[in-house]
Protein backbone atom coordinates (compact mmCIF):
# COMPACT_ATOMS: atom_id res chain seq x y z
CA MET A 1 87.99 22.08 -47.09
CA LEU A 2 91.47 21.21 -48.31
CA THR A 3 91.96 24.74 -49.66
CA THR A 4 90.84 26.39 -46.42
CA ALA A 5 92.92 24.01 -44.31
CA PHE A 6 96.01 24.68 -46.42
CA LEU A 7 95.59 28.45 -46.10
CA SER A 8 94.96 28.14 -42.36
CA MET A 9 98.26 26.32 -41.96
CA TRP A 10 100.14 29.51 -42.83
CA MET A 11 97.85 32.23 -41.46
CA SER A 12 95.41 32.69 -38.61
CA ASN A 13 92.13 30.79 -38.65
CA VAL A 14 90.15 34.03 -38.69
CA ALA A 15 92.07 35.36 -41.69
CA ALA A 16 91.65 32.12 -43.64
CA THR A 17 87.92 32.06 -42.93
CA ALA A 18 87.49 35.73 -43.84
CA MET A 19 89.28 35.07 -47.13
CA MET A 20 87.33 31.95 -48.11
CA VAL A 21 83.77 32.88 -47.10
CA PRO A 22 83.22 35.57 -49.80
CA ILE A 23 84.68 33.26 -52.44
CA VAL A 24 82.46 30.35 -51.43
CA LEU A 25 79.39 32.59 -51.19
CA SER A 26 79.89 33.77 -54.76
CA MET A 27 80.29 30.15 -55.90
CA LEU A 28 77.08 29.14 -54.12
CA ASP A 29 75.23 32.09 -55.65
CA GLU A 30 76.29 30.93 -59.10
CA LEU A 31 75.30 27.36 -58.26
CA ILE A 32 71.84 28.41 -57.08
CA ALA A 33 71.34 30.67 -60.09
CA HIS A 34 72.39 27.85 -62.40
CA HIS A 35 69.96 25.48 -60.70
CA LYS A 36 67.10 27.96 -61.04
CA ARG A 37 67.85 28.54 -64.71
CA SER A 38 67.99 24.81 -65.40
CA GLU A 39 64.59 24.25 -63.75
CA LEU A 40 62.67 27.09 -65.44
CA PRO A 41 59.81 25.78 -67.63
CA VAL A 42 59.92 25.94 -71.42
CA VAL A 43 56.95 26.89 -73.58
CA THR A 44 56.64 25.00 -76.85
CA SER A 45 53.96 26.82 -78.82
CA ASP A 46 52.62 30.26 -79.73
CA SER A 47 49.04 28.96 -79.83
CA ASP A 48 46.38 28.89 -77.15
CA MET A 49 47.34 25.39 -76.01
CA VAL A 50 50.93 24.77 -74.95
CA LYS A 51 53.09 22.10 -73.39
CA ILE A 52 55.37 22.96 -70.45
CA TYR A 53 58.28 21.01 -69.06
CA SER A 54 61.50 21.74 -67.23
CA ALA A 55 64.63 22.76 -69.06
CA ALA A 56 66.42 19.64 -67.83
CA GLU A 57 63.72 17.41 -69.30
CA PHE A 58 63.77 19.49 -72.46
CA ARG A 59 67.51 18.89 -72.94
CA ASN A 60 67.12 15.18 -72.27
CA ARG A 61 64.35 14.81 -74.83
CA ILE A 62 66.23 16.78 -77.45
CA SER A 63 69.38 14.71 -76.97
CA SER A 64 67.55 11.37 -76.93
CA SER A 65 65.22 11.89 -79.88
CA ALA A 66 65.92 12.94 -83.46
CA GLY A 67 63.74 15.23 -85.53
CA LEU A 68 61.74 16.61 -82.62
CA VAL A 69 61.86 20.21 -83.78
CA THR A 70 58.87 21.00 -85.92
CA SER A 71 57.71 24.00 -87.83
CA ASP A 72 55.29 26.53 -86.45
CA THR A 73 52.59 25.20 -88.79
CA GLU A 74 52.92 21.69 -87.45
CA THR A 75 52.85 22.98 -83.89
CA GLU A 76 49.77 25.08 -84.50
CA SER A 77 47.97 22.10 -86.03
CA LYS A 78 48.42 20.25 -82.75
CA ALA A 79 47.42 23.20 -80.59
CA ASN A 80 43.94 21.89 -79.86
CA GLU A 81 45.04 18.35 -78.97
CA SER A 82 44.46 17.18 -75.41
CA TYR A 83 47.67 16.42 -73.49
CA VAL A 84 47.22 14.47 -70.30
CA ASP A 85 49.72 13.60 -67.57
CA SER A 86 48.51 11.38 -64.73
CA GLY A 87 44.94 11.92 -65.93
CA VAL A 88 44.97 15.71 -65.45
CA GLY A 89 44.68 18.27 -68.25
CA PHE A 90 44.42 22.07 -68.12
CA ASP A 91 43.96 24.94 -70.56
CA ILE A 92 46.31 27.91 -70.24
CA ASP A 93 46.81 31.32 -71.79
CA ILE A 94 50.08 31.43 -73.72
CA GLN A 95 50.46 35.20 -73.42
CA GLU A 96 50.27 35.08 -69.63
CA ILE A 97 52.87 32.33 -69.52
CA LYS A 98 55.21 34.36 -71.71
CA GLU A 99 54.89 37.37 -69.43
CA ASN A 100 55.43 35.31 -66.28
CA LEU A 101 58.43 33.53 -67.72
CA ALA A 102 60.00 36.71 -69.03
CA SER A 103 59.56 38.45 -65.68
CA ASN A 104 61.23 35.58 -63.81
CA ASP A 105 63.96 34.72 -66.29
CA PRO A 106 65.36 37.48 -68.58
CA THR A 107 67.15 34.82 -70.61
CA PHE A 108 63.88 33.04 -71.53
CA ASN A 109 63.71 32.03 -75.19
CA GLU A 110 60.67 30.62 -76.96
CA MET A 111 61.12 27.34 -78.81
CA SER A 112 58.85 25.26 -81.02
CA VAL A 113 59.28 21.60 -80.05
CA GLN A 114 56.89 18.67 -80.28
CA THR A 115 56.98 16.07 -77.48
CA ASP A 116 54.56 13.60 -75.97
CA ASP A 117 53.18 12.82 -72.50
CA LEU A 118 53.64 16.34 -71.11
CA ALA A 119 51.35 18.05 -68.63
CA VAL A 120 49.35 21.07 -69.74
CA ILE A 121 48.94 23.54 -66.87
CA SER A 122 46.29 26.22 -66.44
CA PRO A 123 47.16 29.90 -65.89
CA GLY A 124 45.99 29.63 -62.30
CA HIS A 125 48.77 27.15 -61.55
CA MET A 126 51.53 29.28 -63.06
CA ALA A 127 52.35 31.24 -59.92
CA HIS A 128 52.46 28.04 -57.88
CA LEU A 129 54.77 26.47 -60.46
CA HIS A 130 57.29 29.31 -60.27
CA LYS A 131 57.06 29.36 -56.50
CA GLU A 132 57.97 25.68 -56.36
CA LEU A 133 60.77 26.10 -58.88
CA ASN A 134 62.29 28.96 -56.90
CA LYS A 135 62.44 26.80 -53.79
CA MET A 136 65.73 25.03 -53.50
CA PRO A 137 65.61 21.25 -53.07
CA THR A 138 67.05 19.63 -50.00
CA GLU A 139 70.28 18.62 -51.71
CA ILE A 140 71.02 22.20 -52.79
CA SER A 141 70.18 23.84 -49.44
CA GLY A 142 72.03 21.12 -47.55
CA LEU A 143 75.04 21.54 -49.80
CA CYS A 144 75.14 25.27 -49.12
CA LYS A 145 75.03 24.75 -45.35
CA ALA A 146 77.65 22.02 -45.43
CA VAL A 147 80.06 24.02 -47.60
CA LEU A 148 79.83 27.13 -45.42
CA LEU A 149 80.32 25.18 -42.20
CA SER A 150 83.18 23.24 -43.76
CA ILE A 151 85.16 26.49 -43.98
CA CYS A 152 85.03 26.95 -40.20
CA TYR A 153 85.85 23.30 -39.53
CA ALA A 154 88.70 23.26 -42.03
CA ALA A 155 90.18 26.53 -40.76
CA ASN A 156 90.32 25.25 -37.18
CA LEU A 157 91.71 21.88 -38.20
CA GLY A 158 94.20 23.31 -40.67
CA GLY A 159 95.60 25.60 -38.01
CA THR A 160 96.87 22.59 -36.11
CA GLY A 161 99.14 21.54 -38.99
CA THR A 162 101.91 24.10 -38.44
CA LEU A 163 103.36 26.09 -35.58
CA THR A 164 102.16 29.37 -37.07
CA GLY A 165 98.67 28.11 -37.88
CA THR A 166 97.08 29.01 -34.57
CA GLY A 167 97.98 30.66 -31.28
CA PRO A 168 97.89 27.59 -28.96
CA ASN A 169 100.61 25.92 -31.05
CA ILE A 170 102.95 28.84 -30.38
CA VAL A 171 102.04 28.81 -26.69
CA LEU A 172 102.82 25.10 -26.46
CA THR A 173 106.15 25.50 -28.25
CA ASN A 174 107.31 28.33 -26.01
CA THR A 175 106.19 26.48 -22.88
CA LEU A 176 108.01 23.28 -23.80
CA ASN A 177 111.14 25.11 -24.93
CA ASP A 178 111.27 27.00 -21.64
CA GLU A 179 110.61 23.90 -19.54
CA TYR A 180 112.99 21.62 -21.44
CA ALA A 181 115.55 24.07 -22.75
CA ASN A 182 118.41 21.55 -22.74
CA GLN A 183 116.56 18.98 -24.85
CA ASN A 184 115.65 18.87 -28.52
CA ARG A 185 113.33 21.75 -29.28
CA ILE A 186 110.21 21.61 -31.42
CA THR A 187 110.90 22.91 -34.91
CA PHE A 188 108.61 23.81 -37.77
CA ALA A 189 109.42 20.62 -39.67
CA SER A 190 109.16 18.28 -36.68
CA TRP A 191 105.78 19.73 -35.76
CA MET A 192 104.47 19.21 -39.31
CA VAL A 193 105.62 15.59 -39.29
CA PHE A 194 103.60 15.08 -36.11
CA ALA A 195 100.52 17.24 -36.82
CA VAL A 196 99.78 17.08 -40.56
CA PRO A 197 98.75 13.37 -40.63
CA ALA A 198 96.38 13.91 -37.71
CA MET A 199 95.03 17.04 -39.38
CA LEU A 200 94.23 15.13 -42.59
CA VAL A 201 92.45 12.38 -40.65
CA CYS A 202 90.34 14.97 -38.80
CA LEU A 203 89.51 16.69 -42.10
CA VAL A 204 88.20 13.44 -43.56
CA LEU A 205 86.12 12.76 -40.44
CA ALA A 206 84.71 16.30 -40.48
CA TRP A 207 83.87 15.94 -44.17
CA PHE A 208 81.99 12.69 -43.52
CA TRP A 209 80.15 14.27 -40.60
CA LEU A 210 79.00 17.31 -42.60
CA LEU A 211 78.05 15.13 -45.55
CA ILE A 212 75.85 12.86 -43.43
CA MET A 213 74.35 15.70 -41.38
CA PHE A 214 73.24 17.92 -44.28
CA LEU A 215 73.04 15.61 -47.31
CA GLY A 216 72.08 12.34 -45.67
CA SER A 217 73.77 8.99 -45.52
CA ARG A 218 72.57 8.16 -49.03
CA SER A 219 74.84 10.89 -50.38
CA LEU A 220 77.80 8.64 -49.61
CA LEU A 221 76.39 6.09 -52.05
CA ASN A 222 75.21 8.58 -54.65
CA MET A 223 78.25 10.86 -54.67
CA PHE A 224 79.75 9.03 -57.66
CA SER A 225 76.48 8.48 -59.52
CA TRP A 226 75.41 12.06 -60.31
CA LYS A 227 73.90 12.77 -63.67
CA GLN A 228 76.60 13.63 -66.11
CA SER A 229 74.55 16.40 -67.72
CA LYS A 230 74.15 18.17 -64.38
CA ASN A 231 77.85 17.88 -63.62
CA ASP A 232 78.77 19.17 -67.07
CA GLY A 233 76.64 22.28 -66.63
CA ILE A 234 78.13 23.14 -63.25
CA SER A 235 81.67 22.40 -64.43
CA GLU A 236 81.23 24.61 -67.47
CA LEU A 237 79.88 27.39 -65.27
CA PHE A 238 82.86 27.39 -62.91
CA GLN A 239 85.28 26.94 -65.79
CA HIS A 240 83.83 30.03 -67.43
CA LYS A 241 84.18 32.03 -64.21
CA TYR A 242 87.75 30.83 -63.85
CA GLN A 243 88.62 31.93 -67.38
CA GLU A 244 87.19 35.38 -66.63
CA LEU A 245 89.91 35.85 -64.00
CA GLY A 246 92.55 36.09 -66.71
CA LYS A 247 96.25 35.54 -66.25
CA MET A 248 98.06 36.06 -62.97
CA SER A 249 99.44 39.55 -62.54
CA PHE A 250 103.02 40.34 -61.60
CA ALA A 251 101.91 41.20 -58.07
CA GLU A 252 100.09 37.88 -57.63
CA LYS A 253 103.08 35.93 -58.92
CA SER A 254 105.36 37.87 -56.58
CA VAL A 255 103.23 37.13 -53.53
CA LEU A 256 103.13 33.44 -54.46
CA PHE A 257 106.91 33.37 -54.94
CA TRP A 258 107.69 34.98 -51.59
CA PHE A 259 105.17 32.74 -49.87
CA VAL A 260 106.98 29.67 -51.23
CA VAL A 261 110.29 31.17 -50.06
CA LEU A 262 108.86 31.73 -46.58
CA VAL A 263 107.62 28.15 -46.30
CA PHE A 264 110.97 26.85 -47.54
CA LEU A 265 112.87 28.90 -44.94
CA TRP A 266 110.55 27.70 -42.19
CA VAL A 267 110.84 24.03 -43.09
CA SER A 268 114.57 24.07 -43.87
CA ARG A 269 115.63 26.00 -40.76
CA LYS A 270 116.13 22.85 -38.75
CA PRO A 271 114.60 19.77 -40.39
CA THR A 272 114.68 16.47 -38.59
CA PHE A 273 116.34 14.44 -41.36
CA MET A 274 119.23 16.74 -42.34
CA ARG A 275 121.16 19.84 -41.33
CA GLY A 276 119.27 23.05 -41.85
CA TRP A 277 120.50 26.52 -42.72
CA GLN A 278 120.55 27.37 -39.01
CA ASP A 279 123.19 24.68 -38.42
CA VAL A 280 125.08 25.39 -41.64
CA PHE A 281 125.60 29.05 -40.72
CA HIS A 282 126.08 28.28 -36.99
CA LEU A 283 123.10 30.38 -35.96
CA ASP A 284 121.74 28.05 -33.31
CA GLY A 285 120.30 30.14 -30.50
CA PHE A 286 120.22 33.30 -32.61
CA THR A 287 117.36 32.54 -35.00
CA SER A 288 113.81 31.27 -34.72
CA ASP A 289 110.79 30.87 -36.99
CA ALA A 290 110.12 34.58 -36.54
CA CYS A 291 113.26 35.51 -38.52
CA PRO A 292 112.03 34.26 -41.94
CA ALA A 293 108.62 35.82 -41.30
CA MET A 294 110.13 39.23 -40.54
CA LEU A 295 112.47 38.96 -43.54
CA ILE A 296 109.65 38.28 -46.00
CA ALA A 297 107.50 40.97 -44.39
CA CYS A 298 110.25 43.54 -44.96
CA VAL A 299 110.68 42.38 -48.56
CA LEU A 300 106.98 42.97 -49.26
CA PHE A 301 107.41 46.62 -48.30
CA VAL A 302 110.00 47.16 -51.05
CA TRP A 303 108.95 44.69 -53.77
CA PRO A 304 107.01 46.46 -56.58
CA THR A 305 103.50 45.53 -57.70
CA GLN A 306 104.52 45.75 -61.38
CA MET A 307 107.50 44.66 -63.40
CA PRO A 308 110.46 47.01 -62.71
CA ASP A 309 111.14 49.61 -65.38
CA PHE A 310 114.88 50.20 -65.08
CA LEU A 311 118.20 48.62 -66.11
CA PHE A 312 117.69 45.53 -68.28
CA TRP A 313 113.96 45.33 -67.38
CA ARG A 314 113.21 48.47 -69.40
CA GLN A 315 111.18 47.74 -72.52
CA ASN A 316 111.38 51.26 -73.94
CA SER A 317 114.76 52.89 -73.53
CA ALA A 318 113.42 56.28 -74.63
CA SER A 319 110.97 56.58 -71.74
CA LYS A 320 111.94 57.43 -68.20
CA PRO A 321 111.75 54.75 -65.51
CA GLN A 322 108.45 54.76 -63.65
CA ARG A 323 108.00 54.35 -59.94
CA HIS A 324 105.61 51.61 -58.81
CA SER A 325 103.99 51.09 -55.44
CA SER A 326 105.13 48.23 -53.22
CA LEU A 327 103.20 45.05 -52.52
CA MET A 328 102.64 46.15 -48.94
CA THR A 329 102.22 49.68 -47.65
CA TRP A 330 102.32 50.82 -44.05
CA ALA A 331 98.79 52.23 -44.31
CA ALA A 332 97.42 48.90 -45.53
CA MET A 333 99.42 47.04 -42.91
CA GLN A 334 98.04 49.17 -40.08
CA LYS A 335 94.47 48.71 -41.34
CA LYS A 336 94.52 45.01 -42.25
CA PHE A 337 96.93 43.53 -39.71
CA SER A 338 95.34 41.48 -36.93
CA TRP A 339 96.61 43.54 -34.01
CA SER A 340 94.03 41.89 -31.77
CA ILE A 341 95.78 38.53 -32.19
CA ILE A 342 99.13 40.02 -31.16
CA ILE A 343 97.58 41.70 -28.12
CA LEU A 344 95.72 38.51 -27.21
CA LEU A 345 98.86 36.38 -27.45
CA GLY A 346 100.89 38.93 -25.51
CA GLY A 347 98.25 39.11 -22.81
CA GLY A 348 98.18 35.33 -22.61
CA TYR A 349 101.95 35.14 -22.18
CA ALA A 350 101.82 37.83 -19.50
CA MET A 351 99.05 35.96 -17.68
CA ALA A 352 100.98 32.69 -17.87
CA LYS A 353 104.08 34.39 -16.48
CA GLY A 354 102.03 35.92 -13.68
CA ILE A 355 100.57 32.53 -12.78
CA GLU A 356 104.06 31.07 -12.66
CA VAL A 357 105.65 33.85 -10.60
CA SER A 358 102.78 34.18 -8.12
CA GLY A 359 102.82 30.47 -7.31
CA LEU A 360 99.28 29.89 -8.58
CA GLN A 361 100.67 27.41 -11.10
CA ASN A 362 101.97 25.13 -8.33
CA ARG A 363 98.73 25.42 -6.36
CA ILE A 364 96.59 24.47 -9.36
CA GLY A 365 99.02 21.67 -10.18
CA CYS A 366 98.81 20.24 -6.67
CA LEU A 367 95.01 20.43 -6.75
CA MET A 368 94.82 18.62 -10.08
CA ARG A 369 97.43 16.08 -8.98
CA HIS A 370 95.23 15.22 -6.02
CA PHE A 371 92.31 14.29 -8.30
CA VAL A 372 94.13 12.56 -11.17
CA SER A 373 97.04 10.82 -9.45
CA ASP A 374 95.09 7.55 -9.06
CA LEU A 375 93.68 7.54 -12.59
CA ASP A 376 95.04 5.74 -15.61
CA GLN A 377 97.02 7.87 -18.09
CA ILE A 378 94.43 7.41 -20.84
CA VAL A 379 91.65 8.50 -18.50
CA ILE A 380 93.68 11.56 -17.47
CA VAL A 381 94.07 12.58 -21.11
CA ILE A 382 90.33 12.17 -21.73
CA VAL A 383 89.47 14.25 -18.65
CA VAL A 384 91.89 17.02 -19.67
CA VAL A 385 90.57 17.06 -23.26
CA ILE A 386 86.96 17.36 -22.10
CA MET A 387 87.82 20.05 -19.55
CA ILE A 388 89.77 22.21 -22.01
CA SER A 389 87.12 21.74 -24.71
CA VAL A 390 84.40 22.98 -22.37
CA ILE A 391 86.47 26.00 -21.32
CA THR A 392 87.27 27.01 -24.91
CA VAL A 393 83.55 27.18 -25.66
CA VAL A 394 83.39 30.45 -23.70
CA ALA A 395 87.07 31.49 -23.62
CA SER A 396 89.75 32.19 -26.20
CA ASN A 397 91.85 29.24 -27.34
CA SER A 398 95.12 31.12 -26.90
CA ALA A 399 94.20 32.46 -23.46
CA THR A 400 93.11 29.01 -22.29
CA ALA A 401 96.33 27.46 -23.58
CA SER A 402 98.42 30.17 -21.91
CA ILE A 403 96.78 29.46 -18.55
CA PHE A 404 96.63 25.67 -18.53
CA LEU A 405 99.67 24.56 -20.54
CA PRO A 406 102.27 25.59 -17.91
CA VAL A 407 100.15 23.88 -15.26
CA LEU A 408 99.74 20.70 -17.29
CA VAL A 409 103.43 20.56 -18.18
CA SER A 410 104.35 20.80 -14.51
CA LEU A 411 101.63 18.32 -13.52
CA PHE A 412 102.49 15.58 -15.99
CA GLY A 413 106.20 16.17 -15.47
CA SER A 414 105.77 15.21 -11.83
CA LEU A 415 103.55 12.21 -12.62
CA LEU A 416 105.98 10.63 -15.08
């Protein structure tokens, strides 16, 4: 959730979700596959009578007991012994078990291990055993649901942390700057000081809610008491996948560098605790948060995807300099850019301007003032929050903000 929220602070919620969902799905696939592999049964003999137990139990018994591995002769001598678990014993065909195991798990390996107090299962129960093992337990299925939903929650909450995170933030900033042009304007840094703490609190509450809904309240008590062996296996799995990624390429490092530069320019334009570069260069009224964004966007169109091969960057002076493609191309920009968001925001601004010019803003404001003028301020805020929340269920957030923010600014300005 923290990763998705952080990404959503600097890009649209839809883009952050579209980026994270495939990554999380691949992680969950690996987690489910690892769980299935760890629960596959292990056969311990080549004879007609075998002992079957889960791979997790097999590892525990091997690690807790010394000298358990026996020779094939010793195993065969015990083949006709009766093994009983909970008073139930079955005879099974070893060849059928081998075929079933091999068909369900290509990585199945036979082992010769002697243990005690293990159930012996008949061939007729083999299909039922694999069917049960292939079913995910509640904790795994609940974890998958919670993780996927956490992406949506975190993307929406993370978008509130910065001005560029979501459309309604931009609508609010423009509305307030137009209404109170002579007062201190909202800047990128001042908004983060106000919004990031609230965003973190909401993230924690959303995390608790998803945890209780899909994993149960007991998960809060058991979250720090997982079995170490299970954690080690999952950690090793993800560590192996991470190592397969290799080192960061020049293009990836370049994108990260220019992203850091963009954030620095946004935050340092006009911070609340010191003079920003806008004041240092006397650019007040000439620049906005759009200027750093356009600057970095233009840089991406000329910055190469590979290390330059000219001047002092050349490694082989005998070869001719090679031309590399840029990080961003116009064809990719046309295809991947969220034009719908730009059109939606532009349409919202046009609608808000039309409401203001036509006089509908004043009429709606007078109507709302008639109903809320006698209410307490806290009650008014609760009523407005519920009303806007219900409307955004069926309408776009940006469009709703564009319609109601000018009205609410005018309404509360007259009530204060």
